[in-house]
Amino acid sequence: DTLDVNLGFASVERLPSVIELFMNGPHNATGRFEVGDPTLSAETSNNFDITFSFDNGDYYGYASFYVTDVDNYITLMDEDEDHDDHGHGNLIHANYVQEDAEFDGYEIELGRTIKMANGDLTLSFGRDVVNAEFTDGHNVPRINPARNVYSLIYDQGDVLFKLNLKDVDEQNDFGEGETATDGYSMLDARLTKTFDLDGESKLKVSLYGRNLLDEKARNHASFVKDQVPLPGKNVGLKFNFTF
């Protein structure tokens, strides 16, 4: 009555995209001179996962574990050399290549809901991890590091408060041509009040704050993480009217 267990298996084939096959020029959004490979073959991935879900009304939990083997995994790989010699200016020379790879990881979330002052207080903790390596042992590039997510939600009907802390680990398992990325903590909050105007129209007013700690955070999966950090502290007021 309180526990579900699911097993899943999927086998998927993906053909290379036009860009992966024939790209041959600058891509300013990634800061790279990208070169495709018309000889790329199809990716084939086999995925196995198992998921456990628990909910007894007060406590809930979720855990998912997965392993994915990918034959001929396609990725954009930076060249590890002096790129200016290619005559591409300050753009990094990168090639679309493929190699067998394995991904594995897990996602978990644990939480509890407590009745409090005519409302429900929900506390939760979550963590997700992904590991990715090519068969020769080196790391797949641009893989996000592990992170822990702490969440507090208070729901009192027409008032909703959310507080979310995302604690992201540093990423030292980086691919060729990459650098390590420091960890960071991202604190977000939102307070929403709903006004029922005439039974048919509603006005929602939300006061929100993002990155309240004003962390200098960088997304390891971004091609331009060193040039473009994640947004700093952001506070705002939002109105939403439905009729």
Protein backbone atom coordinates (compact mmCIF):
# COMPACT_ATOMS: atom_id res chain seq x y z
CA ASP A 1 0.00 0.00 0.00
CA THR A 2 2.88 2.41 0.65
CA LEU A 3 5.72 1.11 -1.57
CA ASP A 4 6.10 0.92 -5.35
CA VAL A 5 9.01 -0.73 -7.16
CA ASN A 6 9.55 -0.23 -10.88
CA LEU A 7 12.09 -1.87 -13.18
CA GLY A 8 12.79 -0.39 -16.58
CA PHE A 9 14.84 -1.28 -19.63
CA ALA A 10 15.16 0.72 -22.82
CA SER A 11 17.19 0.31 -26.00
CA VAL A 12 17.39 3.43 -28.15
CA GLU A 13 19.18 4.28 -31.39
CA ARG A 14 19.93 7.88 -32.41
CA LEU A 15 21.27 9.00 -35.76
CA PRO A 16 23.85 11.83 -35.82
CA SER A 17 22.38 15.30 -36.33
CA VAL A 18 23.17 17.45 -39.36
CA ILE A 19 25.36 19.68 -37.19
CA GLU A 20 27.31 16.72 -35.81
CA LEU A 21 27.92 15.48 -39.33
CA PHE A 22 28.61 18.61 -41.35
CA MET A 23 29.33 21.57 -39.02
CA ASN A 24 32.50 23.36 -40.10
CA GLY A 25 32.74 26.89 -38.77
CA PRO A 26 32.53 29.27 -35.82
CA HIS A 27 29.82 28.88 -33.20
CA ASN A 28 30.06 32.04 -31.11
CA ALA A 29 27.48 30.90 -28.54
CA THR A 30 29.86 28.14 -27.45
CA GLY A 31 33.06 30.07 -28.15
CA ARG A 32 34.25 27.33 -30.47
CA PHE A 33 35.17 26.58 -34.04
CA GLU A 34 33.22 23.34 -34.44
CA VAL A 35 34.04 20.63 -36.96
CA GLY A 36 31.68 17.76 -37.68
CA ASP A 37 32.46 14.29 -39.01
CA PRO A 38 30.40 12.90 -41.92
CA THR A 39 31.55 9.35 -41.06
CA LEU A 40 29.81 9.29 -37.65
CA SER A 41 27.59 6.27 -37.11
CA ALA A 42 24.40 5.91 -35.05
CA GLU A 43 24.45 5.94 -31.25
CA THR A 44 22.92 2.90 -29.55
CA SER A 45 22.13 3.07 -25.83
CA ASN A 46 20.87 0.39 -23.47
CA ASN A 47 19.47 1.66 -20.18
CA PHE A 48 18.49 -0.22 -17.03
CA ASP A 49 16.89 1.53 -14.05
CA ILE A 50 15.15 0.61 -10.82
CA THR A 51 12.97 3.00 -8.84
CA PHE A 52 11.54 2.81 -5.33
CA SER A 53 8.71 5.13 -4.20
CA PHE A 54 7.37 5.29 -0.64
CA ASP A 55 4.49 7.38 0.76
CA ASN A 56 2.50 6.76 3.94
CA GLY A 57 0.87 10.19 4.17
CA ASP A 58 3.38 11.74 6.57
CA TYR A 59 6.69 10.54 5.15
CA TYR A 60 7.63 10.02 1.54
CA GLY A 61 10.72 8.88 -0.29
CA TYR A 62 11.99 8.26 -3.79
CA ALA A 63 15.14 6.54 -5.05
CA SER A 64 16.15 5.78 -8.60
CA PHE A 65 19.32 4.03 -9.78
CA TYR A 66 20.35 3.66 -13.40
CA VAL A 67 23.09 2.38 -15.71
CA THR A 68 23.30 3.34 -19.37
CA ASP A 69 25.76 1.86 -21.87
CA VAL A 70 26.13 3.90 -25.04
CA ASP A 71 27.86 2.54 -28.12
CA ASN A 72 29.33 5.26 -30.35
CA TYR A 73 28.44 8.12 -27.99
CA ILE A 74 28.76 11.44 -29.84
CA THR A 75 30.23 14.47 -28.08
CA LEU A 76 31.98 17.74 -28.91
CA MET A 77 35.59 17.39 -27.78
CA ASP A 78 37.97 20.33 -27.42
CA GLU A 79 41.43 20.00 -28.88
CA ASP A 80 44.14 20.14 -26.23
CA GLU A 81 46.62 22.37 -28.04
CA ASP A 82 47.39 25.99 -28.98
CA HIS A 83 44.19 26.93 -30.81
CA ASP A 84 45.53 30.18 -32.27
CA ASP A 85 47.64 28.15 -34.69
CA HIS A 86 44.45 27.18 -36.52
CA GLY A 87 43.72 30.78 -37.48
CA HIS A 88 40.38 30.77 -35.63
CA GLY A 89 41.18 33.75 -33.40
CA ASN A 90 40.16 33.23 -29.80
CA LEU A 91 37.76 30.39 -30.63
CA ILE A 92 38.57 26.94 -29.26
CA HIS A 93 38.87 24.28 -31.95
CA ALA A 94 36.50 21.39 -31.17
CA ASN A 95 35.59 18.22 -33.06
CA TYR A 96 32.52 16.01 -32.99
CA VAL A 97 33.84 12.55 -32.08
CA GLN A 98 32.33 9.30 -30.85
CA GLU A 99 33.40 6.59 -28.48
CA ASP A 100 31.69 3.98 -26.32
CA ALA A 101 30.69 5.37 -22.91
CA GLU A 102 28.94 4.35 -19.71
CA PHE A 103 26.71 6.52 -17.54
CA ASP A 104 25.54 5.57 -14.06
CA GLY A 105 24.05 7.42 -11.15
CA TYR A 106 21.15 7.85 -8.80
CA GLU A 107 18.51 10.29 -7.58
CA ILE A 108 17.03 10.23 -4.09
CA GLU A 109 14.53 12.38 -2.22
CA LEU A 110 13.26 12.03 1.36
CA GLY A 111 10.60 14.21 2.93
CA ARG A 112 7.99 14.69 5.61
CA THR A 113 4.75 16.70 5.76
CA ILE A 114 3.69 18.18 9.13
CA LYS A 115 0.40 19.89 10.01
CA MET A 116 1.19 23.35 11.34
CA ALA A 117 -0.96 26.46 12.01
CA ASN A 118 -3.81 25.55 9.65
CA GLY A 119 -1.34 24.59 6.92
CA ASP A 120 1.09 21.92 5.79
CA LEU A 121 4.85 22.19 6.28
CA THR A 122 6.86 19.92 3.97
CA LEU A 123 10.58 19.37 4.55
CA SER A 124 12.64 17.41 2.04
CA PHE A 125 16.18 16.46 1.12
CA GLY A 126 17.30 15.30 -2.30
CA ARG A 127 20.56 14.28 -3.93
CA ASP A 128 21.49 13.38 -7.48
CA VAL A 129 24.74 11.99 -8.87
CA VAL A 130 25.86 11.10 -12.38
CA ASN A 131 29.14 9.47 -13.43
CA ALA A 132 30.18 9.20 -17.06
CA GLU A 133 33.31 7.65 -18.54
CA PHE A 134 34.49 6.54 -21.95
CA THR A 135 35.66 2.95 -22.25
CA ASP A 136 39.32 4.06 -22.29
CA GLY A 137 38.86 5.53 -18.80
CA HIS A 138 38.74 9.28 -19.43
CA ASN A 139 35.75 11.35 -18.42
CA VAL A 140 32.89 12.45 -20.65
CA PRO A 141 33.00 16.27 -20.83
CA ARG A 142 30.45 18.70 -19.37
CA ILE A 143 28.89 16.34 -16.82
CA ASN A 144 27.24 18.12 -13.90
CA PRO A 145 28.64 17.36 -10.42
CA ALA A 146 26.70 15.86 -7.54
CA ARG A 147 24.30 18.16 -5.71
CA ASN A 148 22.20 18.17 -2.54
CA VAL A 149 18.86 19.98 -2.47
CA TYR A 150 17.18 21.06 0.78
CA SER A 151 13.60 22.29 0.51
CA LEU A 152 11.00 23.83 2.83
CA ILE A 153 7.43 24.42 1.64
CA TYR A 154 4.61 25.87 3.73
CA ASP A 155 1.12 25.76 2.20
CA GLN A 156 -1.79 27.48 3.94
CA GLY A 157 -4.34 27.54 1.15
CA ASP A 158 -4.03 31.03 -0.28
CA VAL A 159 -0.49 31.53 1.06
CA LEU A 160 2.47 29.53 -0.22
CA PHE A 161 6.08 29.88 0.92
CA LYS A 162 9.00 28.03 -0.65
CA LEU A 163 12.63 28.00 0.45
CA ASN A 164 15.16 26.02 -1.56
CA LEU A 165 18.89 25.53 -0.99
CA LYS A 166 20.88 23.80 -3.72
CA ASP A 167 24.37 22.76 -2.60
CA VAL A 168 26.42 21.82 -5.66
CA ASP A 169 29.73 19.95 -5.27
CA GLU A 170 32.89 20.92 -7.07
CA GLN A 171 33.53 18.98 -10.27
CA ASN A 172 36.99 17.47 -10.49
CA ASP A 173 36.05 14.65 -12.90
CA PHE A 174 36.41 16.72 -16.04
CA GLY A 175 37.04 15.72 -19.64
CA GLU A 176 39.83 16.56 -22.04
CA GLY A 177 40.28 20.29 -22.58
CA GLU A 178 38.12 21.13 -19.53
CA THR A 179 39.00 22.58 -16.15
CA ALA A 180 37.65 21.90 -12.67
CA THR A 181 34.60 23.85 -11.48
CA ASP A 182 34.16 25.12 -7.93
CA GLY A 183 31.10 24.17 -5.92
CA TYR A 184 28.49 26.67 -4.82
CA SER A 185 25.31 27.05 -2.77
CA MET A 186 22.21 28.58 -4.38
CA LEU A 187 19.46 29.85 -2.04
CA ASP A 188 16.05 30.71 -3.55
CA ALA A 189 12.83 31.81 -1.83
CA ARG A 190 9.29 32.67 -2.94
CA LEU A 191 6.21 33.90 -1.06
CA THR A 192 2.90 33.80 -2.96
CA LYS A 193 -0.48 35.17 -1.88
CA THR A 194 -3.61 34.36 -3.90
CA PHE A 195 -6.59 36.72 -3.88
CA ASP A 196 -9.98 35.36 -4.97
CA LEU A 197 -11.62 38.47 -6.42
CA ASP A 198 -15.12 37.42 -7.48
CA GLY A 199 -15.18 33.65 -7.56
CA GLU A 200 -14.04 33.57 -11.19
CA SER A 201 -10.95 35.79 -11.20
CA LYS A 202 -7.78 35.31 -9.18
CA LEU A 203 -4.77 37.51 -8.55
CA LYS A 204 -1.49 35.93 -7.45
CA VAL A 205 1.20 38.18 -6.00
CA SER A 206 4.65 36.66 -5.55
CA LEU A 207 7.72 38.09 -3.88
CA TYR A 208 10.78 36.09 -4.91
CA GLY A 209 14.51 36.04 -4.42
CA ARG A 210 17.03 34.00 -6.37
CA ASN A 211 20.64 33.38 -5.40
CA LEU A 212 20.08 35.28 -2.17
CA LEU A 213 23.62 34.44 -1.04
CA ASP A 214 24.91 36.22 -4.17
CA GLU A 215 27.22 33.31 -4.97
CA LYS A 216 29.59 33.50 -7.91
CA ALA A 217 28.46 30.21 -9.43
CA ARG A 218 29.46 28.53 -12.66
CA ASN A 219 27.64 25.74 -14.50
CA HIS A 220 30.12 22.99 -15.35
CA ALA A 221 27.92 21.82 -18.25
CA SER A 222 28.18 25.22 -19.95
CA PHE A 223 30.61 25.73 -22.83
CA VAL A 224 31.21 29.31 -21.62
CA LYS A 225 31.26 28.78 -17.85
CA ASP A 226 34.42 30.87 -17.43
CA GLN A 227 33.03 33.82 -19.38
CA VAL A 228 29.38 33.65 -18.24
CA PRO A 229 28.65 32.80 -14.59
CA LEU A 230 25.15 32.05 -13.35
CA PRO A 231 23.02 35.10 -12.40
CA GLY A 232 23.79 36.85 -9.12
CA LYS A 233 21.28 37.94 -6.48
CA ASN A 234 17.89 38.69 -8.02
CA VAL A 235 14.86 40.01 -6.12
CA GLY A 236 11.51 40.74 -7.73
CA LEU A 237 7.74 41.04 -7.49
CA LYS A 238 5.42 39.14 -9.84
CA PHE A 239 1.70 39.58 -10.51
CA ASN A 240 -0.44 36.96 -12.22
CA PHE A 241 -4.11 37.68 -12.98
CA THR A 242 -6.44 35.00 -14.35
CA PHE A 243 -10.05 35.60 -15.39
